[in-house]
Amino acid sequence: MPSTSIRKSEYDPDTEVLSVWFVASGKRYDYEAVPAEVYAAFKAAFSKAASSISTSETISATA
């Protein structure tokens, strides 16, 4: 099951800081020295998880 604990994320390529906001706490965590390719992989995984949730909800709603 995909994680639904991440509310949003932002990445600053100039400083290589990845900021992640979590649903439960609402807190933001900053991760430093994150290479752009690592953020790209994170974003791709997050997009796949969100897509999976939407697909599951659609299937459940129409079943």
PDB file of N, CA and C in Angstrom:
ATOM      1  N   MET A   1       0.850  -1.184   0.000  1.00  0.00           N
ATOM      2  CA  MET A   1       0.000   0.000   0.000  1.00  0.00           C
ATOM      3  C   MET A   1       0.888   1.238   0.000  1.00  0.00           C
ATOM      4  N   PRO A   2       0.622   2.192  -0.871  1.00  0.00           N
ATOM      5  CA  PRO A   2       1.437   3.405  -0.933  1.00  0.00           C
ATOM      6  C   PRO A   2       1.282   4.256   0.329  1.00  0.00           C
ATOM      7  N   SER A   3       2.318   4.991   0.621  1.00  0.00           N
ATOM      8  CA  SER A   3       2.285   5.865   1.784  1.00  0.00           C
ATOM      9  C   SER A   3       1.408   7.076   1.509  1.00  0.00           C
ATOM     10  N   THR A   4       0.594   7.437   2.481  1.00  0.00           N
ATOM     11  CA  THR A   4      -0.223   8.647   2.374  1.00  0.00           C
ATOM     12  C   THR A   4       0.183   9.639   3.453  1.00  0.00           C
ATOM     13  N   SER A   5       1.364   9.453   4.013  1.00  0.00           N
ATOM     14  CA  SER A   5       1.803  10.303   5.112  1.00  0.00           C
ATOM     15  C   SER A   5       2.482  11.591   4.651  1.00  0.00           C
ATOM     16  N   ILE A   6       2.812  11.697   3.377  1.00  0.00           N
ATOM     17  CA  ILE A   6       3.461  12.911   2.866  1.00  0.00           C
ATOM     18  C   ILE A   6       2.405  13.820   2.255  1.00  0.00           C
ATOM     19  N   ARG A   7       2.319  15.038   2.788  1.00  0.00           N
ATOM     20  CA  ARG A   7       1.349  16.014   2.272  1.00  0.00           C
ATOM     21  C   ARG A   7       1.879  16.679   1.014  1.00  0.00           C
ATOM     22  N   LYS A   8       3.149  17.127   1.043  1.00  0.00           N
ATOM     23  CA  LYS A   8       3.762  17.739  -0.139  1.00  0.00           C
ATOM     24  C   LYS A   8       5.266  17.759   0.023  1.00  0.00           C
ATOM     25  N   SER A   9       5.933  18.039  -1.085  1.00  0.00           N
ATOM     26  CA  SER A   9       7.388  18.168  -1.047  1.00  0.00           C
ATOM     27  C   SER A   9       7.817  19.263  -2.006  1.00  0.00           C
ATOM     28  N   GLU A  10       8.947  19.852  -1.711  1.00  0.00           N
ATOM     29  CA  GLU A  10       9.556  20.867  -2.576  1.00  0.00           C
ATOM     30  C   GLU A  10      11.054  20.612  -2.623  1.00  0.00           C
ATOM     31  N   TYR A  11      11.658  20.986  -3.737  1.00  0.00           N
ATOM     32  CA  TYR A  11      13.100  20.786  -3.900  1.00  0.00           C
ATOM     33  C   TYR A  11      13.727  22.057  -4.439  1.00  0.00           C
ATOM     34  N   ASP A  12      14.833  22.483  -3.832  1.00  0.00           N
ATOM     35  CA  ASP A  12      15.596  23.636  -4.309  1.00  0.00           C
ATOM     36  C   ASP A  12      16.894  23.119  -4.917  1.00  0.00           C
ATOM     37  N   PRO A  13      16.993  23.132  -6.243  1.00  0.00           N
ATOM     38  CA  PRO A  13      18.194  22.591  -6.885  1.00  0.00           C
ATOM     39  C   PRO A  13      19.463  23.403  -6.606  1.00  0.00           C
ATOM     40  N   ASP A  14      19.314  24.678  -6.289  1.00  0.00           N
ATOM     41  CA  ASP A  14      20.492  25.500  -6.004  1.00  0.00           C
ATOM     42  C   ASP A  14      21.159  25.106  -4.692  1.00  0.00           C
ATOM     43  N   THR A  15      20.341  24.795  -3.682  1.00  0.00           N
ATOM     44  CA  THR A  15      20.886  24.436  -2.371  1.00  0.00           C
ATOM     45  C   THR A  15      20.838  22.930  -2.124  1.00  0.00           C
ATOM     46  N   GLU A  16      20.190  22.197  -3.029  1.00  0.00           N
ATOM     47  CA  GLU A  16      19.987  20.745  -2.903  1.00  0.00           C
ATOM     48  C   GLU A  16      19.272  20.380  -1.606  1.00  0.00           C
ATOM     49  N   VAL A  17      18.272  21.181  -1.249  1.00  0.00           N
ATOM     50  CA  VAL A  17      17.475  20.912  -0.053  1.00  0.00           C
ATOM     51  C   VAL A  17      16.110  20.381  -0.482  1.00  0.00           C
ATOM     52  N   LEU A  18      15.764  19.219   0.054  1.00  0.00           N
ATOM     53  CA  LEU A  18      14.452  18.614  -0.151  1.00  0.00           C
ATOM     54  C   LEU A  18      13.633  18.864   1.111  1.00  0.00           C
ATOM     55  N   SER A  19      12.504  19.552   0.952  1.00  0.00           N
ATOM     56  CA  SER A  19      11.603  19.819   2.079  1.00  0.00           C
ATOM     57  C   SER A  19      10.386  18.930   1.927  1.00  0.00           C
ATOM     58  N   VAL A  20      10.019  18.243   3.018  1.00  0.00           N
ATOM     59  CA  VAL A  20       8.889  17.326   3.003  1.00  0.00           C
ATOM     60  C   VAL A  20       7.967  17.678   4.162  1.00  0.00           C
ATOM     61  N   TRP A  21       6.670  17.868   3.857  1.00  0.00           N
ATOM     62  CA  TRP A  21       5.653  18.126   4.868  1.00  0.00           C
ATOM     63  C   TRP A  21       4.870  16.842   5.094  1.00  0.00           C
ATOM     64  N   PHE A  22       4.651  16.511   6.369  1.00  0.00           N
ATOM     65  CA  PHE A  22       3.945  15.281   6.706  1.00  0.00           C
ATOM     66  C   PHE A  22       2.514  15.575   7.148  1.00  0.00           C
ATOM     67  N   VAL A  23       1.610  14.677   6.781  1.00  0.00           N
ATOM     68  CA  VAL A  23       0.184  14.853   7.044  1.00  0.00           C
ATOM     69  C   VAL A  23      -0.115  14.877   8.541  1.00  0.00           C
ATOM     70  N   ALA A  24       0.303  13.862   9.257  1.00  0.00           N
ATOM     71  CA  ALA A  24      -0.089  13.704  10.665  1.00  0.00           C
ATOM     72  C   ALA A  24       0.368  14.865  11.542  1.00  0.00           C
ATOM     73  N   SER A  25       1.609  15.259  11.406  1.00  0.00           N
ATOM     74  CA  SER A  25       2.152  16.303  12.282  1.00  0.00           C
ATOM     75  C   SER A  25       2.047  17.692  11.665  1.00  0.00           C
ATOM     76  N   GLY A  26       1.968  17.750  10.339  1.00  0.00           N
ATOM     77  CA  GLY A  26       1.983  19.038   9.660  1.00  0.00           C
ATOM     78  C   GLY A  26       3.370  19.652   9.606  1.00  0.00           C
ATOM     79  N   LYS A  27       4.341  18.962  10.185  1.00  0.00           N
ATOM     80  CA  LYS A  27       5.708  19.490  10.248  1.00  0.00           C
ATOM     81  C   LYS A  27       6.437  19.325   8.924  1.00  0.00           C
ATOM     82  N   ARG A  28       7.380  20.242   8.714  1.00  0.00           N
ATOM     83  CA  ARG A  28       8.258  20.185   7.544  1.00  0.00           C
ATOM     84  C   ARG A  28       9.628  19.708   8.000  1.00  0.00           C
ATOM     85  N   TYR A  29      10.180  18.795   7.235  1.00  0.00           N
ATOM     86  CA  TYR A  29      11.547  18.322   7.473  1.00  0.00           C
ATOM     87  C   TYR A  29      12.371  18.666   6.250  1.00  0.00           C
ATOM     88  N   ASP A  30      13.557  19.218   6.476  1.00  0.00           N
ATOM     89  CA  ASP A  30      14.465  19.585   5.398  1.00  0.00           C
ATOM     90  C   ASP A  30      15.623  18.597   5.354  1.00  0.00           C
ATOM     91  N   TYR A  31      15.857  18.065   4.182  1.00  0.00           N
ATOM     92  CA  TYR A  31      16.965  17.128   3.965  1.00  0.00           C
ATOM     93  C   TYR A  31      17.988  17.829   3.078  1.00  0.00           C
ATOM     94  N   GLU A  32      19.207  17.959   3.569  1.00  0.00           N
ATOM     95  CA  GLU A  32      20.254  18.684   2.852  1.00  0.00           C
ATOM     96  C   GLU A  32      21.101  17.747   2.003  1.00  0.00           C
ATOM     97  N   ALA A  33      21.759  18.341   1.015  1.00  0.00           N
ATOM     98  CA  ALA A  33      22.685  17.627   0.125  1.00  0.00           C
ATOM     99  C   ALA A  33      21.998  16.479  -0.621  1.00  0.00           C
ATOM    100  N   VAL A  34      20.791  16.748  -1.113  1.00  0.00           N
ATOM    101  CA  VAL A  34      20.049  15.753  -1.891  1.00  0.00           C
ATOM    102  C   VAL A  34      20.308  16.022  -3.369  1.00  0.00           C
ATOM    103  N   PRO A  35      20.987  15.115  -4.065  1.00  0.00           N
ATOM    104  CA  PRO A  35      21.244  15.318  -5.498  1.00  0.00           C
ATOM    105  C   PRO A  35      19.927  15.347  -6.292  1.00  0.00           C
ATOM    106  N   ALA A  36      19.934  16.069  -7.385  1.00  0.00           N
ATOM    107  CA  ALA A  36      18.733  16.216  -8.220  1.00  0.00           C
ATOM    108  C   ALA A  36      18.184  14.865  -8.669  1.00  0.00           C
ATOM    109  N   GLU A  37      19.062  13.910  -8.965  1.00  0.00           N
ATOM    110  CA  GLU A  37      18.584  12.601  -9.429  1.00  0.00           C
ATOM    111  C   GLU A  37      17.876  11.821  -8.318  1.00  0.00           C
ATOM    112  N   VAL A  38      18.284  12.044  -7.080  1.00  0.00           N
ATOM    113  CA  VAL A  38      17.606  11.400  -5.951  1.00  0.00           C
ATOM    114  C   VAL A  38      16.212  12.006  -5.787  1.00  0.00           C
ATOM    115  N   TYR A  39      16.108  13.334  -5.906  1.00  0.00           N
ATOM    116  CA  TYR A  39      14.796  13.976  -5.833  1.00  0.00           C
ATOM    117  C   TYR A  39      13.899  13.506  -6.976  1.00  0.00           C
ATOM    118  N   ALA A  40      14.450  13.362  -8.168  1.00  0.00           N
ATOM    119  CA  ALA A  40      13.662  12.889  -9.315  1.00  0.00           C
ATOM    120  C   ALA A  40      13.098  11.493  -9.042  1.00  0.00           C
ATOM    121  N   ALA A  41      13.895  10.619  -8.455  1.00  0.00           N
ATOM    122  CA  ALA A  41      13.431   9.272  -8.120  1.00  0.00           C
ATOM    123  C   ALA A  41      12.353   9.330  -7.034  1.00  0.00           C
ATOM    124  N   PHE A  42      12.539  10.185  -6.034  1.00  0.00           N
ATOM    125  CA  PHE A  42      11.555  10.374  -4.965  1.00  0.00           C
ATOM    126  C   PHE A  42      10.232  10.860  -5.556  1.00  0.00           C
ATOM    127  N   LYS A  43      10.311  11.857  -6.415  1.00  0.00           N
ATOM    128  CA  LYS A  43       9.112  12.430  -7.031  1.00  0.00           C
ATOM    129  C   LYS A  43       8.392  11.390  -7.897  1.00  0.00           C
ATOM    130  N   ALA A  44       9.145  10.605  -8.637  1.00  0.00           N
ATOM    131  CA  ALA A  44       8.547   9.561  -9.478  1.00  0.00           C
ATOM    132  C   ALA A  44       7.838   8.522  -8.628  1.00  0.00           C
ATOM    133  N   ALA A  45       8.452   8.125  -7.530  1.00  0.00           N
ATOM    134  CA  ALA A  45       7.835   7.139  -6.635  1.00  0.00           C
ATOM    135  C   ALA A  45       6.579   7.721  -5.995  1.00  0.00           C
ATOM    136  N   PHE A  46       6.618   8.980  -5.606  1.00  0.00           N
ATOM    137  CA  PHE A  46       5.474   9.643  -4.999  1.00  0.00           C
ATOM    138  C   PHE A  46       4.332   9.746  -6.006  1.00  0.00           C
ATOM    139  N   SER A  47       4.642  10.062  -7.268  1.00  0.00           N
ATOM    140  CA  SER A  47       3.624  10.156  -8.314  1.00  0.00           C
ATOM    141  C   SER A  47       2.979   8.810  -8.576  1.00  0.00           C
ATOM    142  N   LYS A  48       3.785   7.749  -8.602  1.00  0.00           N
ATOM    143  CA  LYS A  48       3.242   6.406  -8.816  1.00  0.00           C
ATOM    144  C   LYS A  48       2.318   6.016  -7.671  1.00  0.00           C
ATOM    145  N   ALA A  49       2.694   6.364  -6.452  1.00  0.00           N
ATOM    146  CA  ALA A  49       1.855   6.043  -5.290  1.00  0.00           C
ATOM    147  C   ALA A  49       0.529   6.783  -5.376  1.00  0.00           C
ATOM    148  N   ALA A  50       0.564   8.053  -5.731  1.00  0.00           N
ATOM    149  CA  ALA A  50      -0.663   8.842  -5.843  1.00  0.00           C
ATOM    150  C   ALA A  50      -1.540   8.294  -6.956  1.00  0.00           C
ATOM    151  N   SER A  51      -0.936   7.898  -8.059  1.00  0.00           N
ATOM    152  CA  SER A  51      -1.677   7.321  -9.172  1.00  0.00           C
ATOM    153  C   SER A  51      -2.320   6.004  -8.757  1.00  0.00           C
ATOM    154  N   SER A  52      -1.607   5.215  -7.999  1.00  0.00           N
ATOM    155  CA  SER A  52      -2.109   3.933  -7.526  1.00  0.00           C
ATOM    156  C   SER A  52      -3.313   4.127  -6.609  1.00  0.00           C
ATOM    157  N   ILE A  53      -3.245   5.136  -5.745  1.00  0.00           N
ATOM    158  CA  ILE A  53      -4.355   5.413  -4.837  1.00  0.00           C
ATOM    159  C   ILE A  53      -5.584   5.835  -5.644  1.00  0.00           C
ATOM    160  N   SER A  54      -5.413   6.722  -6.622  1.00  0.00           N
ATOM    161  CA  SER A  54      -6.538   7.172  -7.440  1.00  0.00           C
ATOM    162  C   SER A  54      -7.163   6.012  -8.189  1.00  0.00           C
ATOM    163  N   THR A  55      -6.336   5.128  -8.747  1.00  0.00           N
ATOM    164  CA  THR A  55      -6.841   3.979  -9.479  1.00  0.00           C
ATOM    165  C   THR A  55      -7.611   3.048  -8.563  1.00  0.00           C
ATOM    166  N   SER A  56      -7.101   2.784  -7.381  1.00  0.00           N
ATOM    167  CA  SER A  56      -7.771   1.919  -6.412  1.00  0.00           C
ATOM    168  C   SER A  56      -9.099   2.515  -5.996  1.00  0.00           C
ATOM    169  N   GLU A  57      -9.149   3.813  -5.748  1.00  0.00           N
ATOM    170  CA  GLU A  57     -10.393   4.452  -5.342  1.00  0.00           C
ATOM    171  C   GLU A  57     -11.414   4.383  -6.459  1.00  0.00           C
ATOM    172  N   THR A  58     -10.983   4.552  -7.712  1.00  0.00           N
ATOM    173  CA  THR A  58     -11.888   4.491  -8.841  1.00  0.00           C
ATOM    174  C   THR A  58     -12.451   3.086  -8.984  1.00  0.00           C
ATOM    175  N   ILE A  59     -11.605   2.077  -8.850  1.00  0.00           N
ATOM    176  CA  ILE A  59     -12.054   0.694  -8.966  1.00  0.00           C
ATOM    177  C   ILE A  59     -13.054   0.376  -7.847  1.00  0.00           C
ATOM    178  N   SER A  60     -12.752   0.797  -6.624  1.00  0.00           N
ATOM    179  CA  SER A  60     -13.650   0.523  -5.486  1.00  0.00           C
ATOM    180  C   SER A  60     -14.995   1.231  -5.675  1.00  0.00           C
ATOM    181  N   ALA A  61     -14.957   2.437  -6.195  1.00  0.00           N
ATOM    182  CA  ALA A  61     -16.184   3.199  -6.356  1.00  0.00           C
ATOM    183  C   ALA A  61     -17.087   2.628  -7.446  1.00  0.00           C
ATOM    184  N   THR A  62     -16.478   1.991  -8.437  1.00  0.00           N
ATOM    185  CA  THR A  62     -17.270   1.469  -9.549  1.00  0.00           C
ATOM    186  C   THR A  62     -17.596  -0.004  -9.417  1.00  0.00           C
ATOM    187  N   ALA A  63     -17.006  -0.687  -8.445  1.00  0.00           N
ATOM    188  CA  ALA A  63     -17.206  -2.144  -8.302  1.00  0.00           C
ATOM    189  C   ALA A  63     -18.555  -2.459  -7.690  1.00  0.00           C
TER     190      ALA A  63
END
